[in-house]
Amino acid sequence: MSVAPTLLSREEQRTLIEIAKAAVLKRSGAGETLPPRTLTPLQQSARGIFVTLKVNGELRGCIGQVEPQLPLHLAAAELAVAAATRDVRFAPITDEDLAKLSVEISVLTPNVVIRSPDEIEVGVHGIIISRGRRRGLLLPQVAIEHHLDAESFLDATCEKAGLEPDAWQDPMTRIEIFSAQVFTEDAPRIERQNRAT
């Protein structure tokens, strides 16, 4: 059973968003490094995290780390730049895009292996599908944004992994779930946090 980690406060969320956006602006030459600031222990903790960039509300980059590797404040900056410049699905963010750029951050709970799709709560759980060397992940908000039920969400995650849509039904396929605290610069909020079990 997974224990939900402590949630970030609104102020902690805003700071991480500011750090992420400042990193993208600095990389483009349109901004400067943020002045030193006092970071909370939670902002300095290592957690799984994804940074999503949108331009005019349309996805333009999303890169993350499932396993904790860097403190959140460093990961937010590094992954924001990666999403802006290295997401192979999209052209890099341009100077013209910056005025319309919005940042979304998802801070993840640890992954939990599940035995049945019935354990998936749509809109609360993200999914990781893996088989052999193939692995795909979709964040919890993807199911809501695309109006997916649990089976459709599993199908989509399999496709993200490069597998057949129904590969999740194969006993050799590993299914993991997690939940996330998701926040944006436009509307920082604390998402309902649930155990990924």
N, C-alpha and C. Protein backbone atom coordinates (compact mmCIF):
# COMPACT_ATOMS: atom_id res chain seq x y z
N MET A 1 0.84 -1.19 0.00
CA MET A 1 0.00 0.00 0.00
C MET A 1 0.88 1.24 0.00
N SER A 2 0.48 2.24 -0.78
CA SER A 2 1.25 3.46 -0.89
C SER A 2 0.70 4.53 0.03
N VAL A 3 1.59 5.22 0.72
CA VAL A 3 1.17 6.33 1.57
C VAL A 3 1.36 7.63 0.79
N ALA A 4 0.30 8.44 0.69
CA ALA A 4 0.38 9.68 -0.06
C ALA A 4 1.34 10.64 0.61
N PRO A 5 2.30 11.19 -0.14
CA PRO A 5 3.25 12.12 0.45
C PRO A 5 2.59 13.46 0.76
N THR A 6 3.29 14.27 1.52
CA THR A 6 2.79 15.58 1.89
C THR A 6 2.56 16.43 0.64
N LEU A 7 1.46 17.17 0.63
CA LEU A 7 1.13 18.01 -0.51
C LEU A 7 1.88 19.34 -0.45
N LEU A 8 2.19 19.87 -1.62
CA LEU A 8 2.77 21.20 -1.71
C LEU A 8 1.71 22.26 -1.43
N SER A 9 2.09 23.29 -0.69
CA SER A 9 1.18 24.41 -0.44
C SER A 9 1.04 25.24 -1.71
N ARG A 10 0.09 26.15 -1.73
CA ARG A 10 -0.09 27.03 -2.89
C ARG A 10 1.18 27.83 -3.16
N GLU A 11 1.80 28.33 -2.10
CA GLU A 11 3.01 29.13 -2.28
C GLU A 11 4.15 28.28 -2.82
N GLU A 12 4.26 27.05 -2.34
CA GLU A 12 5.30 26.14 -2.86
C GLU A 12 5.05 25.83 -4.33
N GLN A 13 3.78 25.67 -4.69
CA GLN A 13 3.43 25.44 -6.09
C GLN A 13 3.85 26.62 -6.95
N ARG A 14 3.49 27.83 -6.51
CA ARG A 14 3.81 29.04 -7.28
C ARG A 14 5.32 29.17 -7.50
N THR A 15 6.09 28.87 -6.46
CA THR A 15 7.54 28.99 -6.58
C THR A 15 8.08 28.02 -7.62
N LEU A 16 7.61 26.78 -7.61
CA LEU A 16 8.09 25.80 -8.59
C LEU A 16 7.70 26.21 -10.01
N ILE A 17 6.49 26.74 -10.18
CA ILE A 17 6.06 27.23 -11.50
C ILE A 17 6.97 28.36 -11.95
N GLU A 18 7.26 29.30 -11.05
CA GLU A 18 8.13 30.43 -11.38
C GLU A 18 9.53 29.95 -11.78
N ILE A 19 10.05 28.97 -11.04
CA ILE A 19 11.38 28.43 -11.35
C ILE A 19 11.38 27.77 -12.73
N ALA A 20 10.34 26.99 -13.02
CA ALA A 20 10.25 26.31 -14.31
C ALA A 20 10.17 27.30 -15.46
N LYS A 21 9.30 28.30 -15.32
CA LYS A 21 9.13 29.26 -16.41
C LYS A 21 10.38 30.12 -16.59
N ALA A 22 11.00 30.51 -15.48
CA ALA A 22 12.22 31.31 -15.56
C ALA A 22 13.32 30.55 -16.29
N ALA A 23 13.39 29.24 -16.09
CA ALA A 23 14.40 28.42 -16.76
C ALA A 23 14.20 28.43 -18.27
N VAL A 24 12.93 28.33 -18.70
CA VAL A 24 12.64 28.36 -20.14
C VAL A 24 12.99 29.72 -20.72
N LEU A 25 12.62 30.79 -20.02
CA LEU A 25 12.90 32.14 -20.49
C LEU A 25 14.40 32.40 -20.58
N LYS A 26 15.13 31.94 -19.55
CA LYS A 26 16.58 32.13 -19.56
C LYS A 26 17.21 31.36 -20.71
N ARG A 27 16.75 30.13 -20.95
CA ARG A 27 17.29 29.31 -22.05
C ARG A 27 17.08 30.00 -23.39
N SER A 28 15.98 30.73 -23.53
CA SER A 28 15.69 31.42 -24.79
C SER A 28 16.38 32.77 -24.87
N GLY A 29 16.98 33.21 -23.77
CA GLY A 29 17.62 34.52 -23.75
C GLY A 29 16.67 35.64 -23.41
N ALA A 30 15.42 35.29 -23.05
CA ALA A 30 14.41 36.32 -22.78
C ALA A 30 14.23 36.59 -21.29
N GLY A 31 15.01 35.94 -20.45
CA GLY A 31 14.84 36.14 -19.02
C GLY A 31 16.16 36.00 -18.28
N GLU A 32 16.11 36.27 -17.00
CA GLU A 32 17.30 36.18 -16.16
C GLU A 32 17.08 35.14 -15.07
N THR A 33 18.16 34.71 -14.45
CA THR A 33 18.07 33.76 -13.36
C THR A 33 17.32 34.39 -12.20
N LEU A 34 16.43 33.63 -11.59
CA LEU A 34 15.71 34.15 -10.43
C LEU A 34 16.68 34.40 -9.29
N PRO A 35 16.44 35.44 -8.50
CA PRO A 35 17.30 35.67 -7.34
C PRO A 35 17.20 34.52 -6.36
N PRO A 36 18.23 34.30 -5.54
CA PRO A 36 18.18 33.22 -4.55
C PRO A 36 16.95 33.37 -3.66
N ARG A 37 16.36 32.28 -3.29
CA ARG A 37 15.19 32.31 -2.43
C ARG A 37 15.27 31.17 -1.42
N THR A 38 14.55 31.33 -0.36
CA THR A 38 14.50 30.29 0.65
C THR A 38 13.56 29.19 0.18
N LEU A 39 14.06 27.99 0.11
CA LEU A 39 13.25 26.85 -0.33
C LEU A 39 12.85 26.02 0.87
N THR A 40 11.65 25.47 0.81
CA THR A 40 11.16 24.63 1.89
C THR A 40 11.76 23.23 1.76
N PRO A 41 11.75 22.46 2.83
CA PRO A 41 12.23 21.08 2.74
C PRO A 41 11.51 20.27 1.66
N LEU A 42 10.22 20.53 1.48
CA LEU A 42 9.46 19.78 0.47
C LEU A 42 9.93 20.15 -0.94
N GLN A 43 10.22 21.43 -1.18
CA GLN A 43 10.72 21.84 -2.49
C GLN A 43 12.11 21.28 -2.77
N GLN A 44 12.83 20.94 -1.71
CA GLN A 44 14.16 20.38 -1.87
C GLN A 44 14.17 18.85 -1.85
N SER A 45 12.98 18.25 -1.70
CA SER A 45 12.91 16.79 -1.67
C SER A 45 12.87 16.24 -3.09
N ALA A 46 13.32 15.01 -3.25
CA ALA A 46 13.31 14.35 -4.56
C ALA A 46 11.99 13.59 -4.71
N ARG A 47 11.27 13.89 -5.78
CA ARG A 47 10.00 13.23 -6.08
C ARG A 47 9.91 13.02 -7.58
N GLY A 48 9.06 12.11 -8.00
CA GLY A 48 8.75 12.01 -9.42
C GLY A 48 8.04 13.27 -9.85
N ILE A 49 8.36 13.78 -11.03
CA ILE A 49 7.79 15.05 -11.47
C ILE A 49 7.76 15.12 -12.99
N PHE A 50 6.70 15.70 -13.54
CA PHE A 50 6.58 16.00 -14.96
C PHE A 50 6.29 17.47 -15.13
N VAL A 51 6.90 18.08 -16.15
CA VAL A 51 6.62 19.47 -16.51
C VAL A 51 5.99 19.47 -17.90
N THR A 52 4.81 20.08 -17.99
CA THR A 52 4.07 20.18 -19.25
C THR A 52 4.02 21.63 -19.69
N LEU A 53 4.33 21.88 -20.95
CA LEU A 53 4.27 23.23 -21.51
C LEU A 53 3.16 23.29 -22.55
N LYS A 54 2.38 24.36 -22.50
CA LYS A 54 1.33 24.58 -23.49
C LYS A 54 1.49 25.98 -24.07
N VAL A 55 1.15 26.12 -25.33
CA VAL A 55 1.13 27.41 -26.00
C VAL A 55 -0.29 27.62 -26.53
N ASN A 56 -0.92 28.70 -26.08
CA ASN A 56 -2.34 28.93 -26.42
C ASN A 56 -3.21 27.74 -26.02
N GLY A 57 -2.83 27.08 -24.93
CA GLY A 57 -3.63 25.96 -24.44
C GLY A 57 -3.36 24.64 -25.12
N GLU A 58 -2.49 24.63 -26.14
CA GLU A 58 -2.17 23.41 -26.86
C GLU A 58 -0.85 22.83 -26.37
N LEU A 59 -0.81 21.52 -26.18
CA LEU A 59 0.40 20.86 -25.70
C LEU A 59 1.57 21.11 -26.65
N ARG A 60 2.73 21.53 -26.07
CA ARG A 60 3.92 21.76 -26.86
C ARG A 60 5.15 21.06 -26.28
N GLY A 61 4.98 20.37 -25.16
CA GLY A 61 6.10 19.63 -24.61
C GLY A 61 5.76 19.08 -23.24
N CYS A 62 6.20 17.87 -22.97
CA CYS A 62 5.99 17.27 -21.65
C CYS A 62 7.10 16.25 -21.42
N ILE A 63 7.90 16.50 -20.39
CA ILE A 63 8.99 15.59 -20.06
C ILE A 63 9.06 15.48 -18.54
N GLY A 64 9.39 14.29 -18.06
CA GLY A 64 9.45 14.11 -16.62
C GLY A 64 10.36 12.98 -16.21
N GLN A 65 10.38 12.78 -14.91
CA GLN A 65 11.12 11.67 -14.32
C GLN A 65 10.17 10.95 -13.38
N VAL A 66 9.97 9.66 -13.64
CA VAL A 66 9.05 8.88 -12.81
C VAL A 66 9.66 8.61 -11.45
N GLU A 67 10.91 8.21 -11.46
CA GLU A 67 11.60 7.93 -10.20
C GLU A 67 12.27 9.20 -9.69
N PRO A 68 12.25 9.43 -8.39
CA PRO A 68 12.91 10.62 -7.84
C PRO A 68 14.40 10.62 -8.17
N GLN A 69 14.87 11.69 -8.78
CA GLN A 69 16.28 11.81 -9.14
C GLN A 69 16.90 13.11 -8.65
N LEU A 70 16.14 14.19 -8.73
CA LEU A 70 16.63 15.51 -8.34
C LEU A 70 15.66 16.15 -7.36
N PRO A 71 16.12 17.08 -6.53
CA PRO A 71 15.19 17.87 -5.72
C PRO A 71 14.18 18.57 -6.64
N LEU A 72 12.97 18.76 -6.15
CA LEU A 72 11.90 19.30 -6.99
C LEU A 72 12.28 20.62 -7.65
N HIS A 73 12.94 21.53 -6.92
CA HIS A 73 13.23 22.83 -7.51
C HIS A 73 14.23 22.72 -8.67
N LEU A 74 15.18 21.79 -8.58
CA LEU A 74 16.12 21.59 -9.68
C LEU A 74 15.47 20.83 -10.83
N ALA A 75 14.65 19.84 -10.50
CA ALA A 75 13.97 19.06 -11.53
C ALA A 75 13.00 19.93 -12.32
N ALA A 76 12.30 20.84 -11.64
CA ALA A 76 11.34 21.71 -12.33
C ALA A 76 12.03 22.53 -13.40
N ALA A 77 13.21 23.08 -13.07
CA ALA A 77 13.95 23.89 -14.04
C ALA A 77 14.49 23.04 -15.18
N GLU A 78 15.12 21.92 -14.85
CA GLU A 78 15.74 21.08 -15.87
C GLU A 78 14.70 20.49 -16.82
N LEU A 79 13.60 20.01 -16.27
CA LEU A 79 12.59 19.36 -17.10
C LEU A 79 11.81 20.38 -17.93
N ALA A 80 11.64 21.60 -17.42
CA ALA A 80 10.97 22.64 -18.20
C ALA A 80 11.78 22.95 -19.46
N VAL A 81 13.09 23.08 -19.31
CA VAL A 81 13.95 23.34 -20.47
C VAL A 81 13.91 22.15 -21.43
N ALA A 82 13.94 20.94 -20.88
CA ALA A 82 13.87 19.75 -21.73
C ALA A 82 12.55 19.71 -22.50
N ALA A 83 11.44 20.02 -21.82
CA ALA A 83 10.13 20.01 -22.49
C ALA A 83 10.07 21.07 -23.59
N ALA A 84 10.77 22.18 -23.38
CA ALA A 84 10.76 23.27 -24.36
C ALA A 84 11.63 22.99 -25.56
N THR A 85 12.64 22.14 -25.38
CA THR A 85 13.64 21.99 -26.45
C THR A 85 13.86 20.56 -26.94
N ARG A 86 13.46 19.55 -26.14
CA ARG A 86 13.85 18.19 -26.50
C ARG A 86 12.70 17.18 -26.60
N ASP A 87 11.45 17.65 -26.53
CA ASP A 87 10.35 16.71 -26.73
C ASP A 87 10.23 16.48 -28.23
N VAL A 88 10.57 15.27 -28.66
CA VAL A 88 10.69 14.98 -30.10
C VAL A 88 9.34 15.06 -30.83
N ARG A 89 8.27 15.11 -30.10
CA ARG A 89 6.95 15.19 -30.74
C ARG A 89 6.64 16.58 -31.27
N PHE A 90 7.39 17.59 -30.79
CA PHE A 90 7.06 18.97 -31.12
C PHE A 90 8.30 19.76 -31.53
N ALA A 91 8.07 20.82 -32.28
CA ALA A 91 9.15 21.76 -32.57
C ALA A 91 9.50 22.49 -31.27
N PRO A 92 10.76 22.88 -31.09
CA PRO A 92 11.13 23.61 -29.88
C PRO A 92 10.32 24.89 -29.71
N ILE A 93 10.14 25.29 -28.47
CA ILE A 93 9.45 26.55 -28.16
C ILE A 93 10.24 27.70 -28.76
N THR A 94 9.54 28.61 -29.44
CA THR A 94 10.19 29.76 -30.08
C THR A 94 9.99 31.01 -29.23
N ASP A 95 10.72 32.06 -29.59
CA ASP A 95 10.57 33.34 -28.90
C ASP A 95 9.13 33.84 -29.02
N GLU A 96 8.51 33.60 -30.16
CA GLU A 96 7.13 34.04 -30.37
C GLU A 96 6.15 33.29 -29.46
N ASP A 97 6.50 32.07 -29.08
CA ASP A 97 5.63 31.26 -28.23
C ASP A 97 5.62 31.74 -26.78
N LEU A 98 6.69 32.42 -26.36
CA LEU A 98 6.89 32.68 -24.93
C LEU A 98 5.76 33.47 -24.29
N ALA A 99 5.19 34.44 -25.03
CA ALA A 99 4.13 35.26 -24.46
C ALA A 99 2.85 34.46 -24.23
N LYS A 100 2.72 33.33 -24.91
CA LYS A 100 1.51 32.51 -24.80
C LYS A 100 1.77 31.21 -24.07
N LEU A 101 2.94 31.13 -23.43
CA LEU A 101 3.37 29.88 -22.78
C LEU A 101 2.78 29.73 -21.39
N SER A 102 2.27 28.55 -21.10
CA SER A 102 1.82 28.24 -19.74
C SER A 102 2.49 26.95 -19.28
N VAL A 103 2.70 26.86 -17.97
CA VAL A 103 3.43 25.74 -17.37
C VAL A 103 2.50 24.97 -16.44
N GLU A 104 2.56 23.65 -16.53
CA GLU A 104 1.83 22.77 -15.61
C GLU A 104 2.84 21.79 -15.03
N ILE A 105 2.75 21.58 -13.73
CA ILE A 105 3.65 20.63 -13.06
C ILE A 105 2.82 19.55 -12.38
N SER A 106 3.28 18.32 -12.52
CA SER A 106 2.66 17.17 -11.86
C SER A 106 3.70 16.53 -10.96
N VAL A 107 3.42 16.51 -9.66
CA VAL A 107 4.32 15.87 -8.69
C VAL A 107 3.71 14.52 -8.33
N LEU A 108 4.48 13.46 -8.54
CA LEU A 108 3.93 12.10 -8.48
C LEU A 108 4.11 11.43 -7.13
N THR A 109 3.20 10.51 -6.84
CA THR A 109 3.37 9.58 -5.73
C THR A 109 4.19 8.39 -6.25
N PRO A 110 4.70 7.56 -5.36
CA PRO A 110 5.39 6.34 -5.83
C PRO A 110 4.44 5.42 -6.61
N ASN A 111 5.01 4.64 -7.53
CA ASN A 111 4.23 3.70 -8.34
C ASN A 111 3.83 2.48 -7.52
N VAL A 112 2.68 1.94 -7.87
CA VAL A 112 2.20 0.71 -7.24
C VAL A 112 1.74 -0.25 -8.33
N VAL A 113 2.22 -1.48 -8.30
CA VAL A 113 1.78 -2.50 -9.25
C VAL A 113 0.37 -2.94 -8.89
N ILE A 114 -0.50 -3.04 -9.89
CA ILE A 114 -1.87 -3.49 -9.64
C ILE A 114 -2.12 -4.83 -10.32
N ARG A 115 -3.11 -5.54 -9.81
CA ARG A 115 -3.46 -6.84 -10.35
C ARG A 115 -4.69 -6.79 -11.25
N SER A 116 -5.52 -5.74 -11.08
CA SER A 116 -6.76 -5.66 -11.84
C SER A 116 -7.01 -4.22 -12.29
N PRO A 117 -7.49 -4.04 -13.51
CA PRO A 117 -7.86 -2.70 -13.98
C PRO A 117 -8.92 -2.04 -13.12
N ASP A 118 -9.67 -2.85 -12.36
CA ASP A 118 -10.70 -2.30 -11.48
C ASP A 118 -10.10 -1.40 -10.41
N GLU A 119 -8.79 -1.51 -10.19
CA GLU A 119 -8.14 -0.68 -9.18
C GLU A 119 -7.84 0.72 -9.67
N ILE A 120 -8.05 0.96 -10.97
CA ILE A 120 -7.77 2.28 -11.53
C ILE A 120 -8.95 3.21 -11.30
N GLU A 121 -8.67 4.37 -10.74
CA GLU A 121 -9.68 5.41 -10.56
C GLU A 121 -9.38 6.51 -11.58
N VAL A 122 -10.23 6.60 -12.59
CA VAL A 122 -10.01 7.55 -13.68
C VAL A 122 -10.01 8.99 -13.15
N GLY A 123 -9.03 9.75 -13.59
CA GLY A 123 -8.90 11.13 -13.15
C GLY A 123 -8.08 11.29 -11.89
N VAL A 124 -7.82 10.19 -11.21
CA VAL A 124 -7.00 10.20 -10.00
C VAL A 124 -5.68 9.50 -10.25
N HIS A 125 -5.73 8.39 -10.96
CA HIS A 125 -4.52 7.60 -11.20
C HIS A 125 -3.96 7.82 -12.59
N GLY A 126 -2.64 7.91 -12.66
CA GLY A 126 -1.92 7.80 -13.91
C GLY A 126 -1.52 6.35 -14.08
N ILE A 127 -1.11 5.98 -15.29
CA ILE A 127 -0.80 4.57 -15.58
C ILE A 127 0.58 4.46 -16.20
N ILE A 128 1.30 3.42 -15.80
CA ILE A 128 2.55 3.03 -16.46
C ILE A 128 2.38 1.60 -16.95
N ILE A 129 2.57 1.40 -18.24
CA ILE A 129 2.50 0.08 -18.86
C ILE A 129 3.91 -0.31 -19.30
N SER A 130 4.34 -1.51 -18.95
CA SER A 130 5.65 -1.95 -19.42
C SER A 130 5.63 -3.44 -19.75
N ARG A 131 6.35 -3.76 -20.82
CA ARG A 131 6.56 -5.16 -21.21
C ARG A 131 7.87 -5.22 -21.97
N GLY A 132 8.79 -6.04 -21.48
CA GLY A 132 10.11 -6.06 -22.08
C GLY A 132 10.76 -4.69 -21.95
N ARG A 133 11.26 -4.19 -23.07
CA ARG A 133 11.91 -2.88 -23.07
C ARG A 133 10.95 -1.74 -23.35
N ARG A 134 9.72 -2.07 -23.62
CA ARG A 134 8.73 -1.04 -23.95
C ARG A 134 8.05 -0.53 -22.68
N ARG A 135 7.89 0.79 -22.62
CA ARG A 135 7.28 1.39 -21.44
C ARG A 135 6.55 2.66 -21.86
N GLY A 136 5.35 2.84 -21.34
CA GLY A 136 4.60 4.05 -21.64
C GLY A 136 3.92 4.56 -20.38
N LEU A 137 3.79 5.87 -20.30
CA LEU A 137 3.17 6.51 -19.13
C LEU A 137 2.20 7.58 -19.59
N LEU A 138 1.05 7.63 -18.95
CA LEU A 138 0.13 8.75 -19.14
C LEU A 138 -0.26 9.29 -17.77
N LEU A 139 -0.25 10.61 -17.65
CA LEU A 139 -0.59 11.28 -16.40
C LEU A 139 -2.09 11.22 -16.14
N PRO A 140 -2.51 11.36 -14.88
CA PRO A 140 -3.94 11.25 -14.55
C PRO A 140 -4.83 12.19 -15.34
N GLN A 141 -4.36 13.41 -15.59
CA GLN A 141 -5.20 14.41 -16.25
C GLN A 141 -5.49 14.08 -17.71
N VAL A 142 -4.68 13.19 -18.31
CA VAL A 142 -4.91 12.81 -19.71
C VAL A 142 -6.27 12.15 -19.89
N ALA A 143 -6.64 11.30 -18.94
CA ALA A 143 -7.94 10.61 -19.03
C ALA A 143 -9.09 11.59 -19.01
N ILE A 144 -8.97 12.63 -18.19
CA ILE A 144 -10.02 13.64 -18.09
C ILE A 144 -10.07 14.48 -19.36
N GLU A 145 -8.89 14.94 -19.81
CA GLU A 145 -8.82 15.81 -20.98
C GLU A 145 -9.36 15.14 -22.24
N HIS A 146 -9.20 13.81 -22.33
CA HIS A 146 -9.62 13.07 -23.53
C HIS A 146 -10.85 12.21 -23.30
N HIS A 147 -11.50 12.39 -22.16
CA HIS A 147 -12.76 11.69 -21.85
C HIS A 147 -12.63 10.17 -21.98
N LEU A 148 -11.61 9.63 -21.33
CA LEU A 148 -11.35 8.19 -21.40
C LEU A 148 -11.89 7.47 -20.18
N ASP A 149 -12.44 6.28 -20.41
CA ASP A 149 -12.76 5.42 -19.29
C ASP A 149 -11.51 4.58 -18.98
N ALA A 150 -11.59 3.70 -17.98
CA ALA A 150 -10.40 2.97 -17.54
C ALA A 150 -9.80 2.13 -18.66
N GLU A 151 -10.64 1.41 -19.41
CA GLU A 151 -10.11 0.55 -20.47
C GLU A 151 -9.50 1.36 -21.60
N SER A 152 -10.15 2.46 -21.98
CA SER A 152 -9.60 3.32 -23.03
C SER A 152 -8.28 3.95 -22.59
N PHE A 153 -8.20 4.27 -21.30
CA PHE A 153 -6.98 4.84 -20.75
C PHE A 153 -5.84 3.82 -20.81
N LEU A 154 -6.16 2.57 -20.48
CA LEU A 154 -5.18 1.49 -20.59
C LEU A 154 -4.74 1.28 -22.04
N ASP A 155 -5.71 1.29 -22.96
CA ASP A 155 -5.40 1.14 -24.38
C ASP A 155 -4.43 2.24 -24.83
N ALA A 156 -4.73 3.48 -24.44
CA ALA A 156 -3.91 4.62 -24.85
C ALA A 156 -2.50 4.53 -24.27
N THR A 157 -2.39 4.03 -23.04
CA THR A 157 -1.07 3.89 -22.42
C THR A 157 -0.26 2.80 -23.11
N CYS A 158 -0.93 1.73 -23.51
CA CYS A 158 -0.25 0.68 -24.28
C CYS A 158 0.29 1.23 -25.59
N GLU A 159 -0.52 2.03 -26.27
CA GLU A 159 -0.08 2.62 -27.53
C GLU A 159 1.10 3.55 -27.30
N LYS A 160 1.09 4.27 -26.19
CA LYS A 160 2.21 5.15 -25.85
C LYS A 160 3.49 4.33 -25.67
N ALA A 161 3.32 3.10 -25.19
CA ALA A 161 4.47 2.20 -24.99
C ALA A 161 4.90 1.51 -26.28
N GLY A 162 4.15 1.73 -27.36
CA GLY A 162 4.47 1.06 -28.62
C GLY A 162 3.94 -0.35 -28.69
N LEU A 163 2.93 -0.65 -27.87
CA LEU A 163 2.31 -1.98 -27.84
C LEU A 163 0.93 -1.93 -28.48
N GLU A 164 0.37 -3.09 -28.73
CA GLU A 164 -1.01 -3.15 -29.20
C GLU A 164 -1.93 -2.59 -28.11
N PRO A 165 -3.04 -1.94 -28.50
CA PRO A 165 -3.91 -1.31 -27.50
C PRO A 165 -4.38 -2.23 -26.38
N ASP A 166 -4.61 -3.51 -26.71
CA ASP A 166 -5.12 -4.43 -25.70
C ASP A 166 -4.01 -5.22 -24.99
N ALA A 167 -2.78 -4.77 -25.13
CA ALA A 167 -1.65 -5.49 -24.52
C ALA A 167 -1.73 -5.55 -23.01
N TRP A 168 -2.50 -4.64 -22.40
CA TRP A 168 -2.64 -4.65 -20.95
C TRP A 168 -3.33 -5.92 -20.45
N GLN A 169 -4.03 -6.62 -21.34
CA GLN A 169 -4.70 -7.85 -20.94
C GLN A 169 -3.76 -9.05 -20.91
N ASP A 170 -2.56 -8.89 -21.45
CA ASP A 170 -1.56 -9.96 -21.46
C ASP A 170 -0.94 -10.08 -20.06
N PRO A 171 -0.91 -11.29 -19.49
CA PRO A 171 -0.33 -11.46 -18.15
C PRO A 171 1.14 -11.04 -18.06
N MET A 172 1.83 -10.96 -19.20
CA MET A 172 3.23 -10.55 -19.20
C MET A 172 3.39 -9.03 -19.13
N THR A 173 2.29 -8.31 -19.25
CA THR A 173 2.34 -6.85 -19.22
C THR A 173 2.21 -6.36 -17.77
N ARG A 174 3.10 -5.48 -17.38
CA ARG A 174 3.10 -4.93 -16.02
C ARG A 174 2.31 -3.62 -16.03
N ILE A 175 1.37 -3.51 -15.10
CA ILE A 175 0.57 -2.29 -14.98
C ILE A 175 0.84 -1.67 -13.61
N GLU A 176 1.25 -0.41 -13.62
CA GLU A 176 1.46 0.32 -12.39
C GLU A 176 0.60 1.58 -12.41
N ILE A 177 0.21 2.03 -11.23
CA ILE A 177 -0.54 3.27 -11.13
C ILE A 177 0.13 4.20 -10.13
N PHE A 178 -0.21 5.47 -10.24
CA PHE A 178 0.29 6.48 -9.32
C PHE A 178 -0.74 7.61 -9.32
N SER A 179 -0.66 8.49 -8.36
CA SER A 179 -1.48 9.69 -8.40
C SER A 179 -0.56 10.89 -8.43
N ALA A 180 -1.12 12.06 -8.63
CA ALA A 180 -0.29 13.25 -8.81
C ALA A 180 -0.98 14.48 -8.26
N GLN A 181 -0.18 15.40 -7.76
CA GLN A 181 -0.66 16.72 -7.42
C GLN A 181 -0.33 17.60 -8.63
N VAL A 182 -1.35 18.12 -9.28
CA VAL A 182 -1.18 18.84 -10.54
C VAL A 182 -1.53 20.31 -10.32
N PHE A 183 -0.64 21.20 -10.80
CA PHE A 183 -0.93 22.63 -10.65
C PHE A 183 -0.36 23.41 -11.82
N THR A 184 -0.97 24.56 -12.09
CA THR A 184 -0.57 25.41 -13.21
C THR A 184 -0.34 26.82 -12.71
N GLU A 185 0.31 27.63 -13.55
CA GLU A 185 0.53 29.02 -13.17
C GLU A 185 -0.77 29.82 -13.22
N ASP A 186 -1.70 29.39 -14.06
CA ASP A 186 -2.95 30.13 -14.19
C ASP A 186 -3.87 29.90 -13.01
N ALA A 187 -3.85 28.68 -12.48
CA ALA A 187 -4.75 28.37 -11.38
C ALA A 187 -4.09 27.38 -10.43
N PRO A 188 -3.10 27.85 -9.65
CA PRO A 188 -2.48 26.93 -8.69
C PRO A 188 -3.55 26.32 -7.79
N ARG A 189 -3.46 25.04 -7.58
CA ARG A 189 -4.48 24.38 -6.76
C ARG A 189 -3.88 23.13 -6.16
N ILE A 190 -4.55 22.61 -5.17
CA ILE A 190 -4.14 21.34 -4.59
C ILE A 190 -5.14 20.29 -5.05
N GLU A 191 -4.66 19.36 -5.85
CA GLU A 191 -5.52 18.30 -6.33
C GLU A 191 -5.82 17.32 -5.21
N ARG A 192 -6.96 16.64 -5.35
CA ARG A 192 -7.27 15.59 -4.40
C ARG A 192 -6.22 14.51 -4.48
N GLN A 193 -5.63 14.20 -3.37
CA GLN A 193 -4.55 13.21 -3.36
C GLN A 193 -5.10 11.87 -2.88
N ASN A 194 -4.82 10.81 -3.60
CA ASN A 194 -5.33 9.51 -3.26
C ASN A 194 -4.21 8.50 -3.21
N ARG A 195 -4.39 7.46 -2.44
CA ARG A 195 -3.45 6.36 -2.44
C ARG A 195 -3.51 5.66 -3.80
N ALA A 196 -2.37 5.37 -4.35
CA ALA A 196 -2.32 4.67 -5.64
C ALA A 196 -2.44 3.17 -5.41
N THR A 197 -3.52 2.79 -4.79
CA THR A 197 -3.77 1.37 -4.54
C THR A 197 -5.23 1.07 -4.75
